[in-house]
Amino acid sequence: MSWEPKIAGFLCNWCSYTGADLAGTSRLHYPPNIRVIRMMCTGRMDPVFVFKAFQAGADGVIVSGCHPGDCHYQEGNFKMLRRAHLIKRVLADLGIHPDRFRLTWVSASEGDRWARFSADFTQTIRTLGPLKLTSDSILEGTYNAA
């Protein structure tokens, strides 16, 4: 059996989760590699969640929310956008390829966009290969990632 990537997906309740649900109910084809974690808003996303997902065995992490300007909590997606830049820099400092993390915007009516994005990101992670952390905790500062 060949290796398949494990991807953690943190999705906004109001837009992205509903868009992913629409992709499923519309029977659009996309890889089943993403384990969805529903949150009320990406603005409430603590960057530590991303690092803990990698520590727990994820090969890639997605954060997906409402399009900028459409956030149900006014500016949560802008908060996440600022954090995403920080997350990518920290991942690079930890020796984890920044392409293993991605932020995207998917509205409730964009099931097709979710399906395309999921397939694209899953292929990116397949190309990068499995993430091999040599420490139990990337959060404690002892790491060596492939």
Protein backbone atom coordinates (compact mmCIF):
# COMPACT_ATOMS: atom_id res chain seq x y z
CA MET A 1 0.00 0.00 0.00
CA SER A 2 1.39 3.40 -0.97
CA TRP A 3 1.68 6.38 1.33
CA GLU A 4 -1.17 8.89 1.39
CA PRO A 5 -0.84 12.31 3.01
CA LYS A 6 -2.69 13.23 6.18
CA ILE A 7 -3.97 16.79 6.02
CA ALA A 8 -5.63 18.77 8.81
CA GLY A 9 -8.16 21.32 7.60
CA PHE A 10 -9.39 24.09 9.88
CA LEU A 11 -12.54 25.44 8.21
CA CYS A 12 -14.74 28.42 9.05
CA ASN A 13 -18.24 27.32 10.04
CA TRP A 14 -20.06 29.89 7.93
CA CYS A 15 -18.35 29.62 4.56
CA SER A 16 -15.62 27.04 4.03
CA TYR A 17 -17.21 24.22 6.01
CA THR A 18 -20.46 24.77 4.13
CA GLY A 19 -18.56 24.94 0.82
CA ALA A 20 -16.84 21.64 1.61
CA ASP A 21 -20.20 20.15 2.55
CA LEU A 22 -21.63 21.37 -0.76
CA ALA A 23 -18.78 19.63 -2.60
CA GLY A 24 -19.72 16.40 -0.87
CA THR A 25 -23.47 16.68 -1.37
CA SER A 26 -22.86 17.63 -5.02
CA ARG A 27 -20.79 14.44 -5.34
CA LEU A 28 -17.78 16.28 -6.66
CA HIS A 29 -14.66 14.15 -6.75
CA TYR A 30 -11.75 15.17 -4.56
CA PRO A 31 -9.22 13.30 -2.41
CA PRO A 32 -10.38 12.15 1.05
CA ASN A 33 -7.07 13.09 2.69
CA ILE A 34 -8.31 16.18 4.56
CA ARG A 35 -9.58 15.76 8.11
CA VAL A 36 -11.90 18.71 8.67
CA ILE A 37 -12.00 20.61 11.94
CA ARG A 38 -14.85 23.10 12.02
CA MET A 39 -14.29 26.41 13.80
CA MET A 40 -16.54 29.41 14.10
CA CYS A 41 -14.06 31.78 12.45
CA THR A 42 -10.49 31.64 11.19
CA GLY A 43 -9.90 34.80 13.21
CA ARG A 44 -10.09 32.60 16.31
CA MET A 45 -7.42 30.28 14.92
CA ASP A 46 -4.45 30.10 17.25
CA PRO A 47 -1.25 29.50 15.23
CA VAL A 48 -0.28 26.86 17.80
CA PHE A 49 -3.08 24.69 16.34
CA VAL A 50 -1.08 24.47 13.10
CA PHE A 51 2.11 23.42 14.87
CA LYS A 52 0.24 20.90 17.02
CA ALA A 53 -1.35 19.40 13.89
CA PHE A 54 2.12 18.80 12.45
CA GLN A 55 3.29 17.44 15.80
CA ALA A 56 0.30 15.06 15.83
CA GLY A 57 1.27 13.61 12.44
CA ALA A 58 -0.25 15.85 9.76
CA ASP A 59 1.75 16.13 6.55
CA GLY A 60 -0.04 19.36 5.62
CA VAL A 61 -2.40 21.92 7.17
CA ILE A 62 -5.12 24.03 5.56
CA VAL A 63 -6.91 26.99 7.04
CA SER A 64 -9.93 28.08 5.01
CA GLY A 65 -12.35 30.90 5.68
CA CYS A 66 -14.73 33.42 4.18
CA HIS A 67 -13.48 35.63 1.39
CA PRO A 68 -11.94 38.91 2.63
CA GLY A 69 -14.75 41.38 3.25
CA ASP A 70 -17.34 38.62 3.74
CA CYS A 71 -16.41 37.48 7.26
CA HIS A 72 -19.42 36.96 9.51
CA TYR A 73 -17.33 38.46 12.32
CA GLN A 74 -16.24 41.50 10.25
CA GLU A 75 -12.47 40.99 10.05
CA GLY A 76 -11.60 37.51 11.29
CA ASN A 77 -10.20 36.47 7.92
CA PHE A 78 -7.89 39.51 7.89
CA LYS A 79 -6.57 38.47 11.31
CA MET A 80 -5.87 35.00 9.95
CA LEU A 81 -4.16 36.42 6.88
CA ARG A 82 -1.70 38.29 9.09
CA ARG A 83 -1.12 35.14 11.16
CA ALA A 84 -0.59 33.03 8.03
CA HIS A 85 2.47 35.05 7.06
CA LEU A 86 3.89 34.52 10.54
CA ILE A 87 3.08 30.78 10.48
CA LYS A 88 4.93 30.30 7.18
CA ARG A 89 8.02 32.07 8.54
CA VAL A 90 8.01 29.98 11.72
CA LEU A 91 7.55 26.76 9.75
CA ALA A 92 10.58 27.65 7.61
CA ASP A 93 12.57 28.35 10.80
CA LEU A 94 11.52 24.92 12.10
CA GLY A 95 12.74 23.25 8.92
CA ILE A 96 9.22 22.47 7.68
CA HIS A 97 8.57 23.44 4.07
CA PRO A 98 6.17 26.43 4.11
CA ASP A 99 4.14 24.90 1.26
CA ARG A 100 2.87 22.33 3.77
CA PHE A 101 0.61 25.11 5.10
CA ARG A 102 -1.95 26.93 3.03
CA LEU A 103 -4.59 29.57 3.65
CA THR A 104 -7.51 29.80 1.24
CA TRP A 105 -10.90 31.43 0.93
CA VAL A 106 -13.96 29.35 0.02
CA SER A 107 -17.54 30.61 0.27
CA ALA A 108 -20.57 28.49 1.07
CA SER A 109 -21.55 28.35 -2.62
CA GLU A 110 -18.11 27.29 -3.88
CA GLY A 111 -18.15 23.53 -3.54
CA ASP A 112 -16.34 23.23 -6.86
CA ARG A 113 -13.61 25.58 -5.63
CA TRP A 114 -13.17 23.45 -2.49
CA ALA A 115 -12.89 20.28 -4.59
CA ARG A 116 -10.25 21.83 -6.89
CA PHE A 117 -8.31 23.31 -3.98
CA SER A 118 -8.37 20.01 -2.06
CA ALA A 119 -7.05 18.09 -5.04
CA ASP A 120 -4.34 20.69 -5.70
CA PHE A 121 -3.15 20.86 -2.09
CA THR A 122 -3.19 17.08 -1.68
CA GLN A 123 -1.02 16.78 -4.80
CA THR A 124 1.38 19.39 -3.41
CA ILE A 125 1.76 17.37 -0.21
CA ARG A 126 2.21 14.13 -2.18
CA THR A 127 5.03 15.80 -4.10
CA LEU A 128 6.68 16.98 -0.87
CA GLY A 129 6.36 13.48 0.62
CA PRO A 130 5.75 12.48 4.21
CA LEU A 131 6.75 14.92 6.94
CA LYS A 132 9.29 13.22 9.15
CA LEU A 133 9.70 15.02 12.43
CA THR A 134 12.48 13.51 14.51
CA SER A 135 11.22 14.98 17.76
CA ASP A 136 8.03 14.44 19.69
CA SER A 137 7.58 18.17 20.01
CA ILE A 138 8.30 20.85 17.45
CA LEU A 139 6.95 23.27 20.02
CA GLU A 140 9.80 22.59 22.44
CA GLY A 141 12.43 23.74 19.95
CA THR A 142 14.10 20.39 19.26
CA TYR A 143 13.34 19.46 15.69
CA ASN A 144 14.73 18.18 12.44
CA ALA A 145 12.19 17.87 9.68
CA ALA A 146 12.43 16.52 6.17
